[in-house]
Amino acid sequence: MTPYRLSLLPRSISTPFAMLISGEIGGTPELTALFVILTGIFGASFGQLVLYWLPLKSKMSLGASFCLAAHVAGSSKAYELDTEVGTIAALVMVLTGIFNVLLAPLLEIVLT
């Protein structure tokens, strides 16, 4: 896999975690940071519109969706919509970051 593709893999988690993972799997951390920021901006800008069309209506599903699609920016937007949705988004963001950091070494083994 090229460094560009490896830099795209961790783009849906927060920047510090994504840069760490990118470096461990052979990606370019700086490029990953750019992808993370663009993903967050896009998710926060259009996430509410996309979620309107999806059949997700519970606060749990909305919070998790915002977070997984747009990490910190999505969590912030979710908190603007509803404090409970924002809290769920923040919790999912933390758990996703930890989960991804723990799985990065396994991903490196599989990809190399």
Protein backbone atom coordinates (compact mmCIF):
# COMPACT_ATOMS: atom_id res chain seq x y z
CA MET A 1 0.00 0.00 0.00
CA THR A 2 1.23 3.48 -0.79
CA PRO A 3 1.95 6.00 1.98
CA TYR A 4 -0.97 8.10 0.71
CA ARG A 5 -3.46 5.28 1.20
CA LEU A 6 -1.97 4.44 4.59
CA SER A 7 -2.32 8.10 5.56
CA LEU A 8 -6.05 7.96 4.77
CA LEU A 9 -6.83 4.94 6.97
CA PRO A 10 -6.95 6.62 10.39
CA ARG A 11 -8.73 9.83 9.27
CA SER A 12 -11.92 9.29 11.27
CA ILE A 13 -10.43 9.66 14.74
CA SER A 14 -8.98 12.70 16.46
CA THR A 15 -5.76 14.17 15.10
CA PRO A 16 -3.24 13.07 17.77
CA PHE A 17 -4.42 9.45 17.62
CA ALA A 18 -4.58 9.47 13.82
CA MET A 19 -1.06 10.87 13.47
CA LEU A 20 0.31 8.27 15.87
CA ILE A 21 -1.38 5.43 14.02
CA SER A 22 -0.34 6.79 10.62
CA GLY A 23 3.29 6.86 11.65
CA GLU A 24 3.11 3.32 13.02
CA ILE A 25 1.58 1.80 9.87
CA GLY A 26 3.83 3.59 7.36
CA GLY A 27 1.69 6.59 6.48
CA THR A 28 2.64 10.25 6.56
CA PRO A 29 1.42 11.81 9.85
CA GLU A 30 1.28 15.34 8.44
CA LEU A 31 -0.87 14.22 5.52
CA THR A 32 -3.08 12.30 7.92
CA ALA A 33 -3.57 15.46 9.98
CA LEU A 34 -4.80 17.25 6.86
CA PHE A 35 -7.23 14.40 6.07
CA VAL A 36 -8.52 14.41 9.66
CA ILE A 37 -9.18 18.14 9.59
CA LEU A 38 -10.95 17.98 6.22
CA THR A 39 -13.05 15.02 7.40
CA GLY A 40 -14.07 16.92 10.53
CA ILE A 41 -15.02 20.06 8.64
CA PHE A 42 -17.01 18.13 6.06
CA GLY A 43 -18.76 16.02 8.72
CA ALA A 44 -19.67 19.00 10.89
CA SER A 45 -20.89 20.97 7.88
CA PHE A 46 -23.01 18.29 6.23
CA GLY A 47 -23.52 15.70 8.99
CA GLN A 48 -26.83 17.07 10.20
CA LEU A 49 -28.20 17.07 6.66
CA VAL A 50 -27.08 13.49 6.03
CA LEU A 51 -28.45 12.27 9.35
CA TYR A 52 -31.80 13.90 8.57
CA TRP A 53 -32.21 11.53 5.62
CA LEU A 54 -31.11 8.41 7.51
CA PRO A 55 -33.56 6.45 9.70
CA LEU A 56 -31.47 7.16 12.82
CA LYS A 57 -33.59 8.90 15.43
CA SER A 58 -32.29 7.85 18.86
CA LYS A 59 -29.86 10.12 20.69
CA MET A 60 -27.39 7.24 20.98
CA SER A 61 -27.30 6.64 17.22
CA LEU A 62 -27.09 10.34 16.38
CA GLY A 63 -24.23 10.97 18.80
CA ALA A 64 -22.26 7.93 17.68
CA SER A 65 -22.79 8.80 14.01
CA PHE A 66 -21.63 12.38 14.39
CA CYS A 67 -18.56 11.30 16.30
CA LEU A 68 -17.53 8.44 14.04
CA ALA A 69 -17.98 10.52 10.91
CA ALA A 70 -16.44 13.78 12.08
CA HIS A 71 -14.65 13.16 15.44
CA VAL A 72 -14.13 16.39 17.47
CA ALA A 73 -15.89 18.72 15.03
CA GLY A 74 -18.82 16.31 14.84
CA SER A 75 -18.97 16.00 18.61
CA SER A 76 -19.06 19.77 18.92
CA LYS A 77 -21.86 20.02 16.37
CA ALA A 78 -23.75 17.22 18.13
CA TYR A 79 -23.47 19.12 21.42
CA GLU A 80 -24.98 22.18 19.73
CA LEU A 81 -27.98 20.13 18.69
CA ASP A 82 -28.55 18.43 22.04
CA THR A 83 -26.39 18.10 25.15
CA GLU A 84 -27.13 14.39 25.53
CA VAL A 85 -26.26 13.70 21.88
CA GLY A 86 -23.03 15.69 22.33
CA THR A 87 -22.12 13.78 25.47
CA ILE A 88 -22.62 10.46 23.71
CA ALA A 89 -20.54 11.70 20.76
CA ALA A 90 -17.67 12.70 23.07
CA LEU A 91 -17.74 9.35 24.87
CA VAL A 92 -17.75 7.43 21.59
CA MET A 93 -14.87 9.58 20.34
CA VAL A 94 -12.72 8.70 23.35
CA LEU A 95 -13.54 4.99 23.14
CA THR A 96 -12.90 4.92 19.38
CA GLY A 97 -9.54 6.62 19.84
CA ILE A 98 -8.44 4.13 22.47
CA PHE A 99 -9.69 1.20 20.41
CA ASN A 100 -7.85 2.39 17.28
CA VAL A 101 -4.58 3.03 19.11
CA LEU A 102 -4.71 -0.48 20.57
CA LEU A 103 -5.43 -2.02 17.15
CA ALA A 104 -2.77 -0.06 15.21
CA PRO A 105 0.04 -2.54 15.89
CA LEU A 106 -2.15 -5.40 14.64
CA LEU A 107 -3.02 -3.42 11.52
CA GLU A 108 0.66 -2.82 10.88
CA ILE A 109 1.35 -6.55 11.02
CA VAL A 110 -1.50 -7.34 8.62
CA LEU A 111 -0.58 -4.63 6.11
CA THR A 112 3.13 -5.42 5.94
